[in-house]
PDB file of N, CA and C in Angstrom:
ATOM      1  N   MET A   1      43.849 -17.607  -1.584  1.00  0.00           N
ATOM      2  CA  MET A   1      42.698 -17.442  -2.447  1.00  0.00           C
ATOM      3  C   MET A   1      41.695 -18.564  -2.192  1.00  0.00           C
ATOM      4  N   GLU A   2      42.126 -19.761  -2.015  1.00  0.00           N
ATOM      5  CA  GLU A   2      41.193 -20.882  -1.685  1.00  0.00           C
ATOM      6  C   GLU A   2      40.483 -20.737  -0.416  1.00  0.00           C
ATOM      7  N   VAL A   3      41.230 -20.172   0.609  1.00  0.00           N
ATOM      8  CA  VAL A   3      40.557 -19.955   1.940  1.00  0.00           C
ATOM      9  C   VAL A   3      39.388 -18.934   1.806  1.00  0.00           C
ATOM     10  N   PHE A   4      39.633 -17.944   0.976  1.00  0.00           N
ATOM     11  CA  PHE A   4      38.531 -16.924   0.704  1.00  0.00           C
ATOM     12  C   PHE A   4      37.394 -17.570   0.102  1.00  0.00           C
ATOM     13  N   ASN A   5      37.547 -18.436  -0.901  1.00  0.00           N
ATOM     14  CA  ASN A   5      36.533 -19.112  -1.533  1.00  0.00           C
ATOM     15  C   ASN A   5      35.702 -20.069  -0.636  1.00  0.00           C
ATOM     16  N   LEU A   6      36.480 -20.716   0.202  1.00  0.00           N
ATOM     17  CA  LEU A   6      35.775 -21.620   1.197  1.00  0.00           C
ATOM     18  C   LEU A   6      35.016 -20.794   2.176  1.00  0.00           C
ATOM     19  N   SER A   7      35.458 -19.599   2.576  1.00  0.00           N
ATOM     20  CA  SER A   7      34.760 -18.796   3.535  1.00  0.00           C
ATOM     21  C   SER A   7      33.478 -18.243   2.855  1.00  0.00           C
ATOM     22  N   LYS A   8      33.593 -17.918   1.550  1.00  0.00           N
ATOM     23  CA  LYS A   8      32.426 -17.362   0.883  1.00  0.00           C
ATOM     24  C   LYS A   8      31.391 -18.555   0.652  1.00  0.00           C
ATOM     25  N   GLN A   9      31.934 -19.662   0.371  1.00  0.00           N
ATOM     26  CA  GLN A   9      31.016 -20.840   0.152  1.00  0.00           C
ATOM     27  C   GLN A   9      30.337 -21.177   1.501  1.00  0.00           C
ATOM     28  N   ALA A  10      31.004 -21.137   2.633  1.00  0.00           N
ATOM     29  CA  ALA A  10      30.441 -21.423   3.936  1.00  0.00           C
ATOM     30  C   ALA A  10      29.360 -20.409   4.221  1.00  0.00           C
ATOM     31  N   LYS A  11      29.636 -19.198   3.949  1.00  0.00           N
ATOM     32  CA  LYS A  11      28.676 -18.112   4.137  1.00  0.00           C
ATOM     33  C   LYS A  11      27.375 -18.359   3.283  1.00  0.00           C
ATOM     34  N   LEU A  12      27.619 -18.773   2.052  1.00  0.00           N
ATOM     35  CA  LEU A  12      26.470 -19.112   1.171  1.00  0.00           C
ATOM     36  C   LEU A  12      25.673 -20.255   1.710  1.00  0.00           C
ATOM     37  N   TYR A  13      26.271 -21.338   2.152  1.00  0.00           N
ATOM     38  CA  TYR A  13      25.470 -22.439   2.711  1.00  0.00           C
ATOM     39  C   TYR A  13      24.786 -22.032   4.004  1.00  0.00           C
ATOM     40  N   LYS A  14      25.434 -21.239   4.834  1.00  0.00           N
ATOM     41  CA  LYS A  14      24.855 -20.830   6.022  1.00  0.00           C
ATOM     42  C   LYS A  14      23.544 -19.931   5.764  1.00  0.00           C
ATOM     43  N   THR A  15      23.657 -19.111   4.812  1.00  0.00           N
ATOM     44  CA  THR A  15      22.572 -18.258   4.395  1.00  0.00           C
ATOM     45  C   THR A  15      21.441 -19.096   3.837  1.00  0.00           C
ATOM     46  N   ILE A  16      21.718 -20.031   2.955  1.00  0.00           N
ATOM     47  CA  ILE A  16      20.650 -20.914   2.385  1.00  0.00           C
ATOM     48  C   ILE A  16      19.954 -21.769   3.472  1.00  0.00           C
ATOM     49  N   LEU A  17      20.775 -22.275   4.348  1.00  0.00           N
ATOM     50  CA  LEU A  17      20.255 -23.072   5.445  1.00  0.00           C
ATOM     51  C   LEU A  17      19.369 -22.242   6.384  1.00  0.00           C
ATOM     52  N   SER A  18      19.761 -21.053   6.684  1.00  0.00           N
ATOM     53  CA  SER A  18      18.960 -20.167   7.541  1.00  0.00           C
ATOM     54  C   SER A  18      17.717 -19.857   6.783  1.00  0.00           C
ATOM     55  N   PHE A  19      17.733 -19.538   5.518  1.00  0.00           N
ATOM     56  CA  PHE A  19      16.569 -19.239   4.839  1.00  0.00           C
ATOM     57  C   PHE A  19      15.501 -20.415   4.821  1.00  0.00           C
ATOM     58  N   LEU A  20      16.085 -21.629   4.554  1.00  0.00           N
ATOM     59  CA  LEU A  20      15.194 -22.744   4.559  1.00  0.00           C
ATOM     60  C   LEU A  20      14.586 -22.992   5.973  1.00  0.00           C
ATOM     61  N   GLU A  21      15.355 -22.825   6.990  1.00  0.00           N
ATOM     62  CA  GLU A  21      14.913 -23.025   8.307  1.00  0.00           C
ATOM     63  C   GLU A  21      13.715 -22.048   8.548  1.00  0.00           C
ATOM     64  N   TRP A  22      14.008 -20.778   8.222  1.00  0.00           N
ATOM     65  CA  TRP A  22      12.959 -19.726   8.375  1.00  0.00           C
ATOM     66  C   TRP A  22      11.697 -20.053   7.649  1.00  0.00           C
ATOM     67  N   SER A  23      11.868 -20.561   6.349  1.00  0.00           N
ATOM     68  CA  SER A  23      10.786 -20.888   5.544  1.00  0.00           C
ATOM     69  C   SER A  23       9.933 -22.000   6.146  1.00  0.00           C
ATOM     70  N   ILE A  24      10.535 -23.018   6.607  1.00  0.00           N
ATOM     71  CA  ILE A  24       9.858 -24.145   7.148  1.00  0.00           C
ATOM     72  C   ILE A  24       9.046 -23.683   8.399  1.00  0.00           C
ATOM     73  N   THR A  25       9.720 -22.870   9.302  1.00  0.00           N
ATOM     74  CA  THR A  25       9.035 -22.385  10.505  1.00  0.00           C
ATOM     75  C   THR A  25       7.846 -21.513  10.070  1.00  0.00           C
ATOM     76  N   PHE A  26       8.068 -20.593   9.116  1.00  0.00           N
ATOM     77  CA  PHE A  26       6.970 -19.720   8.716  1.00  0.00           C
ATOM     78  C   PHE A  26       5.799 -20.404   8.165  1.00  0.00           C
ATOM     79  N   PHE A  27       6.014 -21.443   7.255  1.00  0.00           N
ATOM     80  CA  PHE A  27       4.891 -22.151   6.676  1.00  0.00           C
ATOM     81  C   PHE A  27       4.298 -23.015   7.583  1.00  0.00           C
ATOM     82  N   LYS A  28       5.013 -23.680   8.626  1.00  0.00           N
ATOM     83  CA  LYS A  28       4.412 -24.390   9.694  1.00  0.00           C
ATOM     84  C   LYS A  28       3.457 -23.563  10.484  1.00  0.00           C
ATOM     85  N   SER A  29       3.889 -22.348  10.912  1.00  0.00           N
ATOM     86  CA  SER A  29       3.027 -21.493  11.672  1.00  0.00           C
ATOM     87  C   SER A  29       1.808 -21.101  10.881  1.00  0.00           C
ATOM     88  N   LYS A  30       1.981 -20.845   9.618  1.00  0.00           N
ATOM     89  CA  LYS A  30       0.797 -20.458   8.815  1.00  0.00           C
ATOM     90  C   LYS A  30      -0.215 -21.628   8.651  1.00  0.00           C
ATOM     91  N   LEU A  31       0.315 -22.829   8.504  1.00  0.00           N
ATOM     92  CA  LEU A  31      -0.592 -24.065   8.383  1.00  0.00           C
ATOM     93  C   LEU A  31      -1.247 -24.271   9.791  1.00  0.00           C
ATOM     94  N   ASN A  32      -0.579 -24.117  10.886  1.00  0.00           N
ATOM     95  CA  ASN A  32      -1.119 -24.315  12.164  1.00  0.00           C
ATOM     96  C   ASN A  32      -2.197 -23.309  12.531  1.00  0.00           C
ATOM     97  N   HIS A  33      -2.110 -22.093  12.100  1.00  0.00           N
ATOM     98  CA  HIS A  33      -2.985 -21.034  12.497  1.00  0.00           C
ATOM     99  C   HIS A  33      -4.040 -20.755  11.516  1.00  0.00           C
ATOM    100  N   ALA A  34      -3.998 -21.362  10.308  1.00  0.00           N
ATOM    101  CA  ALA A  34      -4.958 -21.006   9.202  1.00  0.00           C
ATOM    102  C   ALA A  34      -6.345 -21.475   9.561  1.00  0.00           C
ATOM    103  N   LYS A  35      -7.261 -20.559   9.398  1.00  0.00           N
ATOM    104  CA  LYS A  35      -8.655 -20.839   9.556  1.00  0.00           C
ATOM    105  C   LYS A  35      -9.222 -21.424   8.267  1.00  0.00           C
ATOM    106  N   LYS A  36      -8.752 -21.019   7.166  1.00  0.00           N
ATOM    107  CA  LYS A  36      -9.158 -21.471   5.865  1.00  0.00           C
ATOM    108  C   LYS A  36      -7.990 -21.956   5.123  1.00  0.00           C
ATOM    109  N   PRO A  37      -8.117 -22.788   4.089  1.00  0.00           N
ATOM    110  CA  PRO A  37      -7.100 -23.175   3.287  1.00  0.00           C
ATOM    111  C   PRO A  37      -6.244 -22.076   2.638  1.00  0.00           C
ATOM    112  N   MET A  38      -4.936 -22.200   2.549  1.00  0.00           N
ATOM    113  CA  MET A  38      -4.082 -21.175   2.020  1.00  0.00           C
ATOM    114  C   MET A  38      -4.286 -21.176   0.477  1.00  0.00           C
ATOM    115  N   LYS A  39      -4.276 -19.971  -0.096  1.00  0.00           N
ATOM    116  CA  LYS A  39      -4.428 -19.798  -1.549  1.00  0.00           C
ATOM    117  C   LYS A  39      -3.091 -20.096  -2.167  1.00  0.00           C
ATOM    118  N   THR A  40      -3.178 -20.927  -3.240  1.00  0.00           N
ATOM    119  CA  THR A  40      -1.981 -21.263  -4.006  1.00  0.00           C
ATOM    120  C   THR A  40      -1.417 -19.991  -4.692  1.00  0.00           C
ATOM    121  N   PRO A  41      -0.126 -19.739  -4.584  1.00  0.00           N
ATOM    122  CA  PRO A  41       0.436 -18.526  -5.265  1.00  0.00           C
ATOM    123  C   PRO A  41       0.171 -18.640  -6.820  1.00  0.00           C
ATOM    124  N   SER A  42      -0.095 -17.513  -7.422  1.00  0.00           N
ATOM    125  CA  SER A  42      -0.405 -17.547  -8.896  1.00  0.00           C
ATOM    126  C   SER A  42       0.729 -18.102  -9.683  1.00  0.00           C
ATOM    127  N   ILE A  43       1.947 -17.900  -9.284  1.00  0.00           N
ATOM    128  CA  ILE A  43       3.057 -18.436 -10.157  1.00  0.00           C
ATOM    129  C   ILE A  43       2.946 -19.919 -10.210  1.00  0.00           C
ATOM    130  N   ILE A  44       2.572 -20.605  -9.110  1.00  0.00           N
ATOM    131  CA  ILE A  44       2.394 -22.061  -9.131  1.00  0.00           C
ATOM    132  C   ILE A  44       1.234 -22.448 -10.014  1.00  0.00           C
ATOM    133  N   THR A  45       0.067 -21.770  -9.794  1.00  0.00           N
ATOM    134  CA  THR A  45      -1.144 -22.034 -10.521  1.00  0.00           C
ATOM    135  C   THR A  45      -0.945 -21.933 -11.989  1.00  0.00           C
ATOM    136  N   ASN A  46      -0.310 -20.818 -12.395  1.00  0.00           N
ATOM    137  CA  ASN A  46      -0.142 -20.560 -13.853  1.00  0.00           C
ATOM    138  C   ASN A  46       0.839 -21.572 -14.428  1.00  0.00           C
ATOM    139  N   ALA A  47       1.898 -21.865 -13.707  1.00  0.00           N
ATOM    140  CA  ALA A  47       2.945 -22.761 -14.286  1.00  0.00           C
ATOM    141  C   ALA A  47       2.273 -24.219 -14.359  1.00  0.00           C
ATOM    142  N   SER A  48       1.501 -24.578 -13.386  1.00  0.00           N
ATOM    143  CA  SER A  48       0.923 -25.967 -13.373  1.00  0.00           C
ATOM    144  C   SER A  48      -0.127 -26.130 -14.566  1.00  0.00           C
ATOM    145  N   LYS A  49      -0.590 -25.028 -15.131  1.00  0.00           N
ATOM    146  CA  LYS A  49      -1.552 -25.147 -16.238  1.00  0.00           C
ATOM    147  C   LYS A  49      -0.797 -25.575 -17.532  1.00  0.00           C
ATOM    148  N   THR A  50       0.400 -25.216 -17.598  1.00  0.00           N
ATOM    149  CA  THR A  50       1.163 -25.441 -18.845  1.00  0.00           C
ATOM    150  C   THR A  50       2.247 -26.517 -18.741  1.00  0.00           C
ATOM    151  N   SER A  51       2.622 -26.787 -17.450  1.00  0.00           N
ATOM    152  CA  SER A  51       3.698 -27.765 -17.275  1.00  0.00           C
ATOM    153  C   SER A  51       3.511 -28.518 -15.982  1.00  0.00           C
ATOM    154  N   ASP A  52       4.393 -29.314 -15.641  1.00  0.00           N
ATOM    155  CA  ASP A  52       4.423 -30.164 -14.415  1.00  0.00           C
ATOM    156  C   ASP A  52       4.565 -29.148 -13.196  1.00  0.00           C
ATOM    157  N   LEU A  53       3.819 -29.512 -12.115  1.00  0.00           N
ATOM    158  CA  LEU A  53       3.933 -28.661 -10.874  1.00  0.00           C
ATOM    159  C   LEU A  53       5.311 -28.676 -10.361  1.00  0.00           C
ATOM    160  N   GLY A  54       5.968 -29.762 -10.470  1.00  0.00           N
ATOM    161  CA  GLY A  54       7.323 -29.907 -10.068  1.00  0.00           C
ATOM    162  C   GLY A  54       8.290 -28.913 -10.695  1.00  0.00           C
ATOM    163  N   ASP A  55       8.004 -28.561 -11.982  1.00  0.00           N
ATOM    164  CA  ASP A  55       8.723 -27.566 -12.684  1.00  0.00           C
ATOM    165  C   ASP A  55       8.485 -26.182 -12.020  1.00  0.00           C
ATOM    166  N   ALA A  56       7.330 -25.902 -11.627  1.00  0.00           N
ATOM    167  CA  ALA A  56       6.990 -24.657 -11.046  1.00  0.00           C
ATOM    168  C   ALA A  56       7.790 -24.560  -9.758  1.00  0.00           C
ATOM    169  N   PHE A  57       7.832 -25.492  -8.910  1.00  0.00           N
ATOM    170  CA  PHE A  57       8.547 -25.497  -7.677  1.00  0.00           C
ATOM    171  C   PHE A  57      10.065 -25.327  -7.959  1.00  0.00           C
ATOM    172  N   SER A  58      10.499 -25.990  -9.028  1.00  0.00           N
ATOM    173  CA  SER A  58      11.923 -25.874  -9.327  1.00  0.00           C
ATOM    174  C   SER A  58      12.266 -24.497  -9.786  1.00  0.00           C
ATOM    175  N   MET A  59      11.378 -23.834 -10.499  1.00  0.00           N
ATOM    176  CA  MET A  59      11.619 -22.493 -10.970  1.00  0.00           C
ATOM    177  C   MET A  59      11.700 -21.533  -9.738  1.00  0.00           C
ATOM    178  N   ILE A  60      10.747 -21.732  -8.869  1.00  0.00           N
ATOM    179  CA  ILE A  60      10.750 -20.844  -7.613  1.00  0.00           C
ATOM    180  C   ILE A  60      12.024 -21.123  -6.869  1.00  0.00           C
ATOM    181  N   GLU A  61      12.372 -22.324  -6.695  1.00  0.00           N
ATOM    182  CA  GLU A  61      13.612 -22.730  -5.931  1.00  0.00           C
ATOM    183  C   GLU A  61      14.771 -21.961  -6.581  1.00  0.00           C
ATOM    184  N   HIS A  62      14.990 -22.164  -7.902  1.00  0.00           N
ATOM    185  CA  HIS A  62      16.189 -21.627  -8.576  1.00  0.00           C
ATOM    186  C   HIS A  62      16.136 -20.095  -8.391  1.00  0.00           C
ATOM    187  N   SER A  63      15.001 -19.436  -8.462  1.00  0.00           N
ATOM    188  CA  SER A  63      14.850 -17.952  -8.373  1.00  0.00           C
ATOM    189  C   SER A  63      15.315 -17.517  -6.903  1.00  0.00           C
ATOM    190  N   VAL A  64      14.809 -18.300  -5.958  1.00  0.00           N
ATOM    191  CA  VAL A  64      15.136 -17.950  -4.562  1.00  0.00           C
ATOM    192  C   VAL A  64      16.605 -18.085  -4.293  1.00  0.00           C
ATOM    193  N   ILE A  65      17.189 -19.229  -4.843  1.00  0.00           N
ATOM    194  CA  ILE A  65      18.681 -19.385  -4.561  1.00  0.00           C
ATOM    195  C   ILE A  65      19.468 -18.488  -5.298  1.00  0.00           C
ATOM    196  N   TYR A  66      19.063 -18.094  -6.553  1.00  0.00           N
ATOM    197  CA  TYR A  66      19.790 -17.029  -7.251  1.00  0.00           C
ATOM    198  C   TYR A  66      19.685 -15.676  -6.594  1.00  0.00           C
ATOM    199  N   ASN A  67      18.585 -15.312  -6.061  1.00  0.00           N
ATOM    200  CA  ASN A  67      18.489 -14.022  -5.345  1.00  0.00           C
ATOM    201  C   ASN A  67      19.278 -14.077  -4.085  1.00  0.00           C
ATOM    202  N   LEU A  68      19.345 -15.189  -3.377  1.00  0.00           N
ATOM    203  CA  LEU A  68      20.161 -15.243  -2.184  1.00  0.00           C
ATOM    204  C   LEU A  68      21.585 -15.096  -2.532  1.00  0.00           C
ATOM    205  N   LEU A  69      22.114 -15.749  -3.564  1.00  0.00           N
ATOM    206  CA  LEU A  69      23.458 -15.629  -4.063  1.00  0.00           C
ATOM    207  C   LEU A  69      23.721 -14.175  -4.413  1.00  0.00           C
ATOM    208  N   LYS A  70      22.872 -13.589  -5.118  1.00  0.00           N
ATOM    209  CA  LYS A  70      23.086 -12.183  -5.561  1.00  0.00           C
ATOM    210  C   LYS A  70      23.149 -11.239  -4.360  1.00  0.00           C
ATOM    211  N   THR A  71      22.205 -11.467  -3.382  1.00  0.00           N
ATOM    212  CA  THR A  71      22.259 -10.689  -2.199  1.00  0.00           C
ATOM    213  C   THR A  71      23.521 -10.751  -1.411  1.00  0.00           C
ATOM    214  N   ILE A  72      24.133 -11.919  -1.294  1.00  0.00           N
ATOM    215  CA  ILE A  72      25.361 -12.010  -0.515  1.00  0.00           C
ATOM    216  C   ILE A  72      26.605 -11.656  -1.301  1.00  0.00           C
ATOM    217  N   GLY A  73      26.387 -11.292  -2.617  1.00  0.00           N
ATOM    218  CA  GLY A  73      27.585 -10.819  -3.427  1.00  0.00           C
ATOM    219  C   GLY A  73      28.196 -11.886  -4.109  1.00  0.00           C
ATOM    220  N   TYR A  74      27.592 -13.043  -4.285  1.00  0.00           N
ATOM    221  CA  TYR A  74      28.207 -14.203  -5.010  1.00  0.00           C
ATOM    222  C   TYR A  74      28.250 -13.849  -6.507  1.00  0.00           C
ATOM    223  N   TYR A  75      27.220 -13.268  -7.018  1.00  0.00           N
ATOM    224  CA  TYR A  75      27.121 -12.807  -8.409  1.00  0.00           C
ATOM    225  C   TYR A  75      27.453 -11.261  -8.444  1.00  0.00           C
ATOM    226  N   ASN A  76      28.172 -10.791  -9.378  1.00  0.00           N
ATOM    227  CA  ASN A  76      28.558  -9.403  -9.493  1.00  0.00           C
ATOM    228  C   ASN A  76      27.661  -8.727 -10.495  1.00  0.00           C
ATOM    229  N   SER A  77      26.396  -8.995 -10.645  1.00  0.00           N
ATOM    230  CA  SER A  77      25.575  -8.282 -11.628  1.00  0.00           C
ATOM    231  C   SER A  77      24.866  -7.108 -11.049  1.00  0.00           C
TER     232      SER A  77
END
């Protein structure tokens, strides 16, 4: 049973790292090729009006990680 959990955990970490690597590459390419400044996503703009911008990024981060976990079957919902 423990081997299965370690395998699942390794798959989870690999998925998260792959996503982060893709995100960094994607945003770097967008920044390098942008002719005009990128528009801030509305979720960040709206959240920063009422709370700290760090909270907005934290909310996005938790949402992304939760959806990744759900996608690979870590959550059974």
